[in-house]
């Protein structure tokens, strides 16, 4: 995995965890997640800023687009979860 992922904060990792959740539910590659849903749920602003600063995502007011490396990282998370679950 590229150095762009070294030392990510828990706030940044929470965004990838949310993407992994959607990946597991849908079975499809996740290229974006909701940043603000209008119902009080919101990605951590510091986590979003950190990922933007590393060039891993592009964020708008309501969404977070995952770059290619970020999408690959989500796949790595899903594989690690499955491996830990013995699948």
C-alpha atoms as a PDB file:
ATOM      1  CA  UNK A   1       0.000   0.000   0.000  1.00  0.00           C
ATOM      2  CA  UNK A   2       1.262   3.468  -0.863  1.00  0.00           C
ATOM      3  CA  UNK A   3       2.798   5.748   1.762  1.00  0.00           C
ATOM      4  CA  UNK A   4      -0.263   8.012   1.434  1.00  0.00           C
ATOM      5  CA  UNK A   5      -2.018   5.714   3.898  1.00  0.00           C
ATOM      6  CA  UNK A   6       0.727   5.610   6.557  1.00  0.00           C
ATOM      7  CA  UNK A   7      -0.316   7.095   9.868  1.00  0.00           C
ATOM      8  CA  UNK A   8      -3.934   7.857   8.976  1.00  0.00           C
ATOM      9  CA  UNK A   9      -5.922   9.153  11.928  1.00  0.00           C
ATOM     10  CA  UNK A  10      -8.948   7.289  13.241  1.00  0.00           C
ATOM     11  CA  UNK A  11     -11.079  10.130  11.871  1.00  0.00           C
ATOM     12  CA  UNK A  12      -9.743   9.488   8.373  1.00  0.00           C
ATOM     13  CA  UNK A  13     -10.027   5.716   8.798  1.00  0.00           C
ATOM     14  CA  UNK A  14     -13.682   6.116   9.800  1.00  0.00           C
ATOM     15  CA  UNK A  15     -14.441   7.373   6.292  1.00  0.00           C
ATOM     16  CA  UNK A  16     -12.858   4.290   4.749  1.00  0.00           C
ATOM     17  CA  UNK A  17     -14.714   2.103   7.228  1.00  0.00           C
ATOM     18  CA  UNK A  18     -17.993   3.663   6.107  1.00  0.00           C
ATOM     19  CA  UNK A  19     -17.057   2.957   2.482  1.00  0.00           C
ATOM     20  CA  UNK A  20     -16.151  -0.646   3.403  1.00  0.00           C
ATOM     21  CA  UNK A  21     -19.561  -1.039   5.063  1.00  0.00           C
ATOM     22  CA  UNK A  22     -21.262  -0.020   1.827  1.00  0.00           C
ATOM     23  CA  UNK A  23     -18.938  -2.285  -0.174  1.00  0.00           C
ATOM     24  CA  UNK A  24     -19.912  -5.262   1.973  1.00  0.00           C
ATOM     25  CA  UNK A  25     -23.628  -4.513   1.677  1.00  0.00           C
ATOM     26  CA  UNK A  26     -23.706  -3.877  -2.057  1.00  0.00           C
ATOM     27  CA  UNK A  27     -21.011  -6.252  -3.274  1.00  0.00           C
ATOM     28  CA  UNK A  28     -19.889  -3.510  -5.653  1.00  0.00           C
ATOM     29  CA  UNK A  29     -16.940  -1.136  -5.792  1.00  0.00           C
ATOM     30  CA  UNK A  30     -17.635   2.038  -3.837  1.00  0.00           C
ATOM     31  CA  UNK A  31     -16.409   5.168  -5.580  1.00  0.00           C
ATOM     32  CA  UNK A  32     -18.068   7.702  -3.292  1.00  0.00           C
ATOM     33  CA  UNK A  33     -19.835   8.077   0.041  1.00  0.00           C
ATOM     34  CA  UNK A  34     -22.194  10.641   1.492  1.00  0.00           C
ATOM     35  CA  UNK A  35     -20.501  13.406   3.472  1.00  0.00           C
ATOM     36  CA  UNK A  36     -23.670  14.950   4.938  1.00  0.00           C
ATOM     37  CA  UNK A  37     -27.010  13.210   4.673  1.00  0.00           C
ATOM     38  CA  UNK A  38     -29.272  16.024   5.871  1.00  0.00           C
ATOM     39  CA  UNK A  39     -30.453  13.884   8.784  1.00  0.00           C
ATOM     40  CA  UNK A  40     -27.617  14.717  11.155  1.00  0.00           C
ATOM     41  CA  UNK A  41     -25.063  12.163   9.977  1.00  0.00           C
ATOM     42  CA  UNK A  42     -21.802  13.672   8.781  1.00  0.00           C
ATOM     43  CA  UNK A  43     -18.289  12.469   8.002  1.00  0.00           C
ATOM     44  CA  UNK A  44     -15.743  13.916  10.392  1.00  0.00           C
ATOM     45  CA  UNK A  45     -14.511  17.224   8.909  1.00  0.00           C
ATOM     46  CA  UNK A  46     -10.941  16.659  10.133  1.00  0.00           C
ATOM     47  CA  UNK A  47     -10.894  13.201   8.562  1.00  0.00           C
ATOM     48  CA  UNK A  48     -12.180  14.590   5.275  1.00  0.00           C
ATOM     49  CA  UNK A  49      -9.570  17.352   5.316  1.00  0.00           C
ATOM     50  CA  UNK A  50      -6.794  14.860   6.048  1.00  0.00           C
ATOM     51  CA  UNK A  51      -7.782  12.623   3.127  1.00  0.00           C
ATOM     52  CA  UNK A  52      -8.141  15.599   0.794  1.00  0.00           C
ATOM     53  CA  UNK A  53      -4.726  16.855   1.861  1.00  0.00           C
ATOM     54  CA  UNK A  54      -3.209  13.507   0.909  1.00  0.00           C
ATOM     55  CA  UNK A  55      -4.948  13.574  -2.470  1.00  0.00           C
ATOM     56  CA  UNK A  56      -6.951  10.430  -1.709  1.00  0.00           C
ATOM     57  CA  UNK A  57     -10.440  11.937  -1.979  1.00  0.00           C
ATOM     58  CA  UNK A  58     -12.268  14.909  -3.395  1.00  0.00           C
ATOM     59  CA  UNK A  59     -15.033  16.274  -1.217  1.00  0.00           C
ATOM     60  CA  UNK A  60     -18.048  18.414  -1.983  1.00  0.00           C
ATOM     61  CA  UNK A  61     -20.586  19.814   0.454  1.00  0.00           C
ATOM     62  CA  UNK A  62     -22.521  16.528   0.511  1.00  0.00           C
ATOM     63  CA  UNK A  63     -20.256  13.836  -0.949  1.00  0.00           C
ATOM     64  CA  UNK A  64     -16.781  12.331  -0.846  1.00  0.00           C
ATOM     65  CA  UNK A  65     -15.392  10.898  -4.088  1.00  0.00           C
ATOM     66  CA  UNK A  66     -12.767   8.211  -3.555  1.00  0.00           C
ATOM     67  CA  UNK A  67      -9.766   8.260  -5.845  1.00  0.00           C
ATOM     68  CA  UNK A  68      -8.425   5.038  -7.358  1.00  0.00           C
ATOM     69  CA  UNK A  69      -5.948   4.464  -4.503  1.00  0.00           C
ATOM     70  CA  UNK A  70      -8.685   5.069  -1.935  1.00  0.00           C
ATOM     71  CA  UNK A  71     -10.973   2.573  -3.673  1.00  0.00           C
ATOM     72  CA  UNK A  72      -8.167   0.011  -3.613  1.00  0.00           C
ATOM     73  CA  UNK A  73      -7.675   0.683   0.102  1.00  0.00           C
ATOM     74  CA  UNK A  74     -11.363  -0.007   0.744  1.00  0.00           C
ATOM     75  CA  UNK A  75     -10.962  -3.343  -1.052  1.00  0.00           C
ATOM     76  CA  UNK A  76      -7.951  -4.107   1.148  1.00  0.00           C
ATOM     77  CA  UNK A  77     -10.055  -3.398   4.254  1.00  0.00           C
ATOM     78  CA  UNK A  78     -12.824  -5.694   3.044  1.00  0.00           C
ATOM     79  CA  UNK A  79     -10.350  -8.487   2.302  1.00  0.00           C
ATOM     80  CA  UNK A  80      -8.790  -8.078   5.760  1.00  0.00           C
ATOM     81  CA  UNK A  81     -12.219  -8.280   7.412  1.00  0.00           C
ATOM     82  CA  UNK A  82     -13.053 -11.421   5.478  1.00  0.00           C
ATOM     83  CA  UNK A  83      -9.685 -12.966   6.294  1.00  0.00           C
ATOM     84  CA  UNK A  84     -10.173 -12.260  10.013  1.00  0.00           C
ATOM     85  CA  UNK A  85     -13.651 -13.813   9.808  1.00  0.00           C
ATOM     86  CA  UNK A  86     -12.135 -16.949   8.272  1.00  0.00           C
ATOM     87  CA  UNK A  87     -13.707 -16.426   4.857  1.00  0.00           C
END
